[in-house]
Amino acid sequence: AVTAIRITSFPTGATSVVINGTSYTSSNWPSGGVTVPTDASGNPTQTITADPSSTTGSGSVVFSFVAVDAAGKESSNTGTATLNLTGVTVSGTVFNDVNGLNGTPANTVDGTGTNAGGLNAVLIDATTGNVVATTTVAANGTYSFTNQPGGDYKIEITTATATVGNPAPAVTLPSGWVSTGENLGSGAGSDGTPDGILNIGTISANTTNANFGIEQPPTAGSGSNSVLNPGGTTQITVPANTFTNTTASSDPSPGAVTAIRITSFPTGATSVVINGTSYT
């Protein structure tokens, strides 16, 4: 009966292997190989682990071995044990999300896919901060990283060029665009910080809907009207078109202006009343 195998050489496609708690690399692999006890079918009864040398998801680790019987005799042929490696795919969409997280449905990253004229998606090792892969965002907003090893990742979108192995560049969007949110999933939810970066956590299977929302902010209009000054403390009604009759406020299509924010107390006024609330 087969009682052991002798792994004759350091496995190809591996950086290191651990056999029964002992770690080996190509530099300390014994010249006579490593003998591992087995059951009668030749299956090792000691734990064997391997660190693949492949930096992508694909590849293989191959062990070459001979079988050993109870008399200590070895097989004349060499067997191989092949561990095929597979990768994961990470994909998502960049949306022109004109209502951000405030629309209907609320707290949702959605809209029309876009690359805003030029965006890259960058896959980042969340532990080291270094770039693992980079790809161009398509015109319809989609992007995909294929054949990646499982790991703890984050993704960013940027106009900058990223180099694999180097620290990730800063997030920069095309001129006139801002981030509105990010979410892992197609339903309601966001990561809470609209900044062009999405942590996707540790993955061991294909991951979809790593989505980003961006949009072009509106442009404020201006206007002017003439009204009689009644004197004293009498309030003057400000015609609504005073804010727009010279230039209307606008938002790039398909967005729409939904409000204005008066940024400071109006010059030339003693008090103002807005929707029943008085301010000085």
Protein backbone atom coordinates (compact mmCIF):
# COMPACT_ATOMS: atom_id res chain seq x y z
CA ALA A 1 0.00 0.00 0.00
CA VAL A 2 1.06 3.58 -0.56
CA THR A 3 2.18 5.09 2.72
CA ALA A 4 3.70 8.39 1.65
CA ILE A 5 4.61 10.67 -1.20
CA ARG A 6 7.88 12.49 -1.70
CA ILE A 7 7.49 15.93 -3.22
CA THR A 8 10.62 16.00 -5.36
CA SER A 9 11.01 19.68 -6.13
CA PHE A 10 9.75 23.04 -5.04
CA PRO A 11 6.28 23.50 -6.56
CA THR A 12 6.17 25.63 -9.69
CA GLY A 13 3.92 28.69 -9.45
CA ALA A 14 4.46 29.10 -5.70
CA THR A 15 6.33 31.66 -3.67
CA SER A 16 6.27 29.55 -0.51
CA VAL A 17 4.66 26.38 0.78
CA VAL A 18 4.00 25.14 4.29
CA ILE A 19 4.00 21.38 4.91
CA ASN A 20 3.00 20.12 8.35
CA GLY A 21 3.88 23.51 9.84
CA THR A 22 7.29 23.86 8.17
CA SER A 23 7.69 26.69 5.68
CA TYR A 24 9.68 26.27 2.49
CA THR A 25 10.76 28.54 -0.34
CA SER A 26 12.78 27.74 -3.42
CA SER A 27 15.93 28.75 -1.52
CA ASN A 28 15.52 26.38 1.46
CA TRP A 29 13.82 23.45 -0.31
CA PRO A 30 15.68 20.22 0.65
CA SER A 31 17.67 18.64 -2.17
CA GLY A 32 16.04 15.29 -1.43
CA GLY A 33 12.53 16.72 -1.44
CA VAL A 34 9.95 16.47 1.33
CA THR A 35 8.22 13.24 2.32
CA VAL A 36 4.58 13.45 3.39
CA PRO A 37 2.64 10.49 4.90
CA THR A 38 -0.56 9.47 3.10
CA ASP A 39 -3.55 7.21 3.35
CA ALA A 40 -3.69 4.05 1.22
CA SER A 41 -4.93 6.04 -1.78
CA GLY A 42 -1.97 8.41 -1.63
CA ASN A 43 -3.82 11.40 -0.19
CA PRO A 44 -1.56 13.39 2.16
CA THR A 45 -2.54 13.22 5.82
CA GLN A 46 -0.62 16.39 6.67
CA THR A 47 -1.77 19.89 5.84
CA ILE A 48 -0.13 21.50 2.80
CA THR A 49 -0.63 25.19 1.95
CA ALA A 50 0.85 27.29 -0.84
CA ASP A 51 1.28 31.01 -1.54
CA PRO A 52 0.85 31.41 -5.32
CA SER A 53 3.37 33.57 -7.17
CA SER A 54 0.70 34.76 -9.61
CA THR A 55 -0.28 38.39 -9.01
CA THR A 56 -3.54 37.93 -10.90
CA GLY A 57 -6.36 35.55 -10.14
CA SER A 58 -5.32 32.94 -12.71
CA GLY A 59 -2.38 30.58 -12.79
CA SER A 60 -1.53 27.27 -11.17
CA VAL A 61 0.64 25.67 -8.51
CA VAL A 62 2.06 22.28 -9.56
CA PHE A 63 3.57 19.70 -7.21
CA SER A 64 5.77 16.92 -8.64
CA PHE A 65 5.96 13.79 -6.49
CA VAL A 66 6.69 10.08 -6.34
CA ALA A 67 4.66 7.51 -4.39
CA VAL A 68 6.27 5.52 -1.56
CA ASP A 69 5.10 2.09 -0.34
CA ALA A 70 5.48 0.32 3.01
CA ALA A 71 8.82 -1.16 1.90
CA GLY A 72 10.15 2.30 1.26
CA LYS A 73 10.24 1.78 -2.50
CA GLU A 74 9.36 4.69 -4.75
CA SER A 75 7.35 4.75 -7.93
CA SER A 76 9.32 4.86 -11.17
CA ASN A 77 6.97 7.53 -12.54
CA THR A 78 6.50 11.07 -11.31
CA GLY A 79 3.00 12.23 -10.51
CA THR A 80 1.74 15.78 -10.59
CA ALA A 81 -0.79 17.55 -8.40
CA THR A 82 -2.11 20.74 -10.02
CA LEU A 83 -3.90 23.45 -8.11
CA ASN A 84 -5.64 25.66 -10.68
CA LEU A 85 -6.20 29.24 -9.58
CA THR A 86 -9.23 31.30 -10.48
CA GLY A 87 -9.87 35.02 -10.19
CA VAL A 88 -12.82 37.23 -9.40
CA THR A 89 -14.45 40.00 -11.41
CA VAL A 90 -15.34 43.35 -9.86
CA SER A 91 -17.64 45.61 -11.85
CA GLY A 92 -19.90 48.62 -11.51
CA THR A 93 -21.25 51.77 -13.12
CA VAL A 94 -20.59 55.49 -12.83
CA PHE A 95 -23.94 57.31 -12.97
CA ASN A 96 -24.84 60.88 -13.83
CA ASP A 97 -26.97 61.03 -10.69
CA VAL A 98 -28.68 64.41 -11.07
CA ASN A 99 -30.75 64.10 -7.88
CA GLY A 100 -27.95 62.54 -5.83
CA LEU A 101 -29.09 60.78 -2.69
CA ASN A 102 -32.05 63.16 -2.31
CA GLY A 103 -34.21 61.86 -5.16
CA THR A 104 -36.87 59.23 -5.46
CA PRO A 105 -36.11 56.55 -4.43
CA ALA A 106 -34.17 58.27 -1.66
CA ASN A 107 -30.60 57.39 -0.69
CA THR A 108 -29.94 55.67 -4.01
CA VAL A 109 -27.00 55.89 -6.39
CA ASP A 110 -28.62 55.77 -9.82
CA GLY A 111 -29.19 57.74 -13.01
CA THR A 112 -27.72 57.54 -16.51
CA GLY A 113 -24.34 55.90 -17.01
CA THR A 114 -21.49 58.24 -17.95
CA ASN A 115 -17.73 58.61 -17.97
CA ALA A 116 -18.05 62.43 -17.80
CA GLY A 117 -15.73 62.71 -20.79
CA GLY A 118 -12.81 60.79 -19.29
CA LEU A 119 -12.62 58.70 -16.10
CA ASN A 120 -10.52 55.79 -14.87
CA ALA A 121 -11.57 53.23 -12.29
CA VAL A 122 -8.77 52.15 -9.95
CA LEU A 123 -8.75 48.96 -7.85
CA ILE A 124 -6.76 49.53 -4.66
CA ASP A 125 -5.38 47.18 -2.01
CA ALA A 126 -7.19 48.47 1.08
CA THR A 127 -4.31 47.43 3.35
CA THR A 128 -1.38 48.99 1.49
CA GLY A 129 -3.16 51.72 -0.48
CA ASN A 130 -1.35 50.57 -3.63
CA VAL A 131 -2.92 50.16 -7.05
CA VAL A 132 -3.82 46.58 -8.00
CA ALA A 133 -5.43 47.30 -11.38
CA THR A 134 -6.74 50.21 -13.42
CA THR A 135 -9.23 50.41 -16.27
CA THR A 136 -11.00 53.03 -18.36
CA VAL A 137 -14.63 53.79 -17.58
CA ALA A 138 -16.67 53.25 -20.76
CA ALA A 139 -18.83 55.99 -22.28
CA ASN A 140 -21.92 54.31 -20.79
CA GLY A 141 -20.37 54.45 -17.31
CA THR A 142 -19.51 50.77 -16.93
CA TYR A 143 -16.16 49.39 -15.84
CA SER A 144 -14.82 45.96 -14.91
CA PHE A 145 -11.75 44.41 -13.31
CA THR A 146 -11.38 40.77 -14.38
CA ASN A 147 -9.24 37.92 -13.13
CA GLN A 148 -8.27 39.48 -9.80
CA PRO A 149 -7.20 37.54 -6.71
CA GLY A 150 -9.52 37.67 -3.73
CA GLY A 151 -8.62 40.35 -1.21
CA ASP A 152 -9.60 43.47 0.70
CA TYR A 153 -10.22 46.21 -1.84
CA LYS A 154 -11.47 49.71 -2.42
CA ILE A 155 -12.21 51.44 -5.73
CA GLU A 156 -11.84 55.05 -6.78
CA ILE A 157 -12.76 56.96 -9.90
CA THR A 158 -10.37 59.64 -11.14
CA THR A 159 -9.07 61.43 -14.19
CA ALA A 160 -5.53 60.71 -13.00
CA THR A 161 -3.36 57.94 -14.42
CA ALA A 162 -2.77 55.11 -11.94
CA THR A 163 0.27 52.80 -11.98
CA VAL A 164 -0.03 49.22 -10.71
CA GLY A 165 2.11 48.77 -7.60
CA ASN A 166 2.26 52.48 -6.80
CA PRO A 167 0.15 54.40 -4.26
CA ALA A 168 -3.28 55.32 -5.62
CA PRO A 169 -3.57 58.82 -7.09
CA ALA A 170 -5.93 61.41 -5.67
CA VAL A 171 -9.55 61.44 -6.79
CA THR A 172 -10.06 64.10 -9.46
CA LEU A 173 -13.18 64.45 -11.59
CA PRO A 174 -13.52 66.14 -14.97
CA SER A 175 -13.99 69.89 -14.75
CA GLY A 176 -17.49 70.83 -13.61
CA TRP A 177 -18.33 67.45 -12.03
CA VAL A 178 -18.74 66.57 -8.34
CA SER A 179 -19.35 63.33 -6.44
CA THR A 180 -22.87 62.63 -5.16
CA GLY A 181 -22.46 59.20 -3.58
CA GLU A 182 -21.14 55.64 -3.76
CA ASN A 183 -22.76 52.31 -2.96
CA LEU A 184 -22.03 48.60 -3.22
CA GLY A 185 -25.39 47.38 -4.50
CA SER A 186 -28.10 48.54 -6.87
CA GLY A 187 -30.71 49.37 -4.23
CA ALA A 188 -30.98 52.02 -1.56
CA GLY A 189 -27.84 52.79 0.40
CA SER A 190 -24.58 54.70 0.27
CA ASP A 191 -21.19 54.61 1.94
CA GLY A 192 -22.00 57.89 3.70
CA THR A 193 -19.17 59.96 2.21
CA PRO A 194 -19.56 61.19 -1.40
CA ASP A 195 -15.86 61.37 -2.33
CA GLY A 196 -15.29 59.12 -5.35
CA ILE A 197 -13.96 56.26 -3.20
CA LEU A 198 -15.86 53.05 -2.37
CA ASN A 199 -14.66 50.43 0.11
CA ILE A 200 -15.88 47.02 -1.06
CA GLY A 201 -14.28 44.97 1.72
CA THR A 202 -12.84 41.48 1.46
CA ILE A 203 -14.13 39.57 -1.57
CA SER A 204 -13.78 35.95 -2.61
CA ALA A 205 -16.42 35.87 -5.37
CA ASN A 206 -17.49 38.01 -8.31
CA THR A 207 -18.73 41.41 -7.13
CA THR A 208 -21.10 43.61 -9.10
CA ASN A 209 -22.76 47.02 -8.67
CA ALA A 210 -19.80 48.83 -7.16
CA ASN A 211 -21.48 52.06 -8.21
CA PHE A 212 -20.58 55.74 -8.18
CA GLY A 213 -22.76 58.85 -8.54
CA ILE A 214 -21.47 62.10 -10.00
CA GLU A 215 -23.17 65.18 -11.42
CA GLN A 216 -22.64 68.67 -12.78
CA PRO A 217 -23.76 71.32 -10.26
CA PRO A 218 -26.13 74.14 -11.26
CA THR A 219 -25.31 77.71 -12.23
CA ALA A 220 -26.91 80.56 -10.26
CA GLY A 221 -28.78 83.21 -12.24
CA SER A 222 -29.29 86.88 -11.44
CA GLY A 223 -31.89 89.58 -11.85
CA SER A 224 -33.07 93.04 -10.95
CA ASN A 225 -36.36 94.83 -10.26
CA SER A 226 -37.44 98.34 -9.24
CA VAL A 227 -39.98 98.82 -6.46
CA LEU A 228 -41.20 101.82 -4.47
CA ASN A 229 -39.49 102.31 -1.12
CA PRO A 230 -42.36 102.88 1.36
CA GLY A 231 -39.97 104.05 4.11
CA GLY A 232 -40.14 103.16 7.79
CA THR A 233 -40.28 99.49 8.74
CA THR A 234 -42.66 98.32 6.02
CA GLN A 235 -41.65 95.06 4.31
CA ILE A 236 -41.35 95.09 0.50
CA THR A 237 -42.35 91.95 -1.37
CA VAL A 238 -39.46 90.81 -3.56
CA PRO A 239 -40.77 89.61 -6.94
CA ALA A 240 -39.66 86.03 -7.54
CA ASN A 241 -38.13 86.87 -10.90
CA THR A 242 -35.71 89.27 -9.21
CA PHE A 243 -33.50 86.20 -8.87
CA THR A 244 -33.76 85.18 -12.54
CA ASN A 245 -34.98 87.90 -14.93
CA THR A 246 -31.47 88.76 -16.14
CA THR A 247 -30.09 85.23 -16.23
CA ALA A 248 -32.07 82.18 -15.19
CA SER A 249 -30.52 79.66 -12.83
CA SER A 250 -29.84 76.42 -14.68
CA ASP A 251 -28.74 72.84 -14.19
CA PRO A 252 -27.19 70.69 -16.95
CA SER A 253 -29.71 68.34 -18.55
CA PRO A 254 -31.37 66.20 -17.34
CA GLY A 255 -31.08 67.98 -13.99
CA ALA A 256 -33.26 70.78 -12.68
CA VAL A 257 -32.87 73.64 -10.22
CA THR A 258 -34.96 72.86 -7.14
CA ALA A 259 -33.93 75.59 -4.69
CA ILE A 260 -31.64 78.51 -4.06
CA ARG A 261 -29.59 79.15 -0.93
CA ILE A 262 -29.27 82.83 0.01
CA THR A 263 -25.68 82.83 1.21
CA SER A 264 -25.55 86.04 3.27
CA PHE A 265 -27.83 88.65 4.76
CA PRO A 266 -28.97 90.96 1.91
CA THR A 267 -27.10 94.24 1.63
CA GLY A 268 -29.26 97.35 1.93
CA ALA A 269 -31.88 95.63 4.12
CA THR A 270 -32.73 96.08 7.81
CA SER A 271 -34.71 92.84 8.02
CA VAL A 272 -36.07 90.19 5.67
CA VAL A 273 -38.92 87.73 6.06
CA ILE A 274 -38.66 84.37 4.27
CA ASN A 275 -41.63 82.03 4.42
CA GLY A 276 -42.85 83.71 7.60
CA THR A 277 -39.49 83.69 9.41
CA SER A 278 -37.92 87.07 10.13
CA TYR A 279 -34.15 87.60 9.89
CA THR A 280 -31.83 90.50 10.65
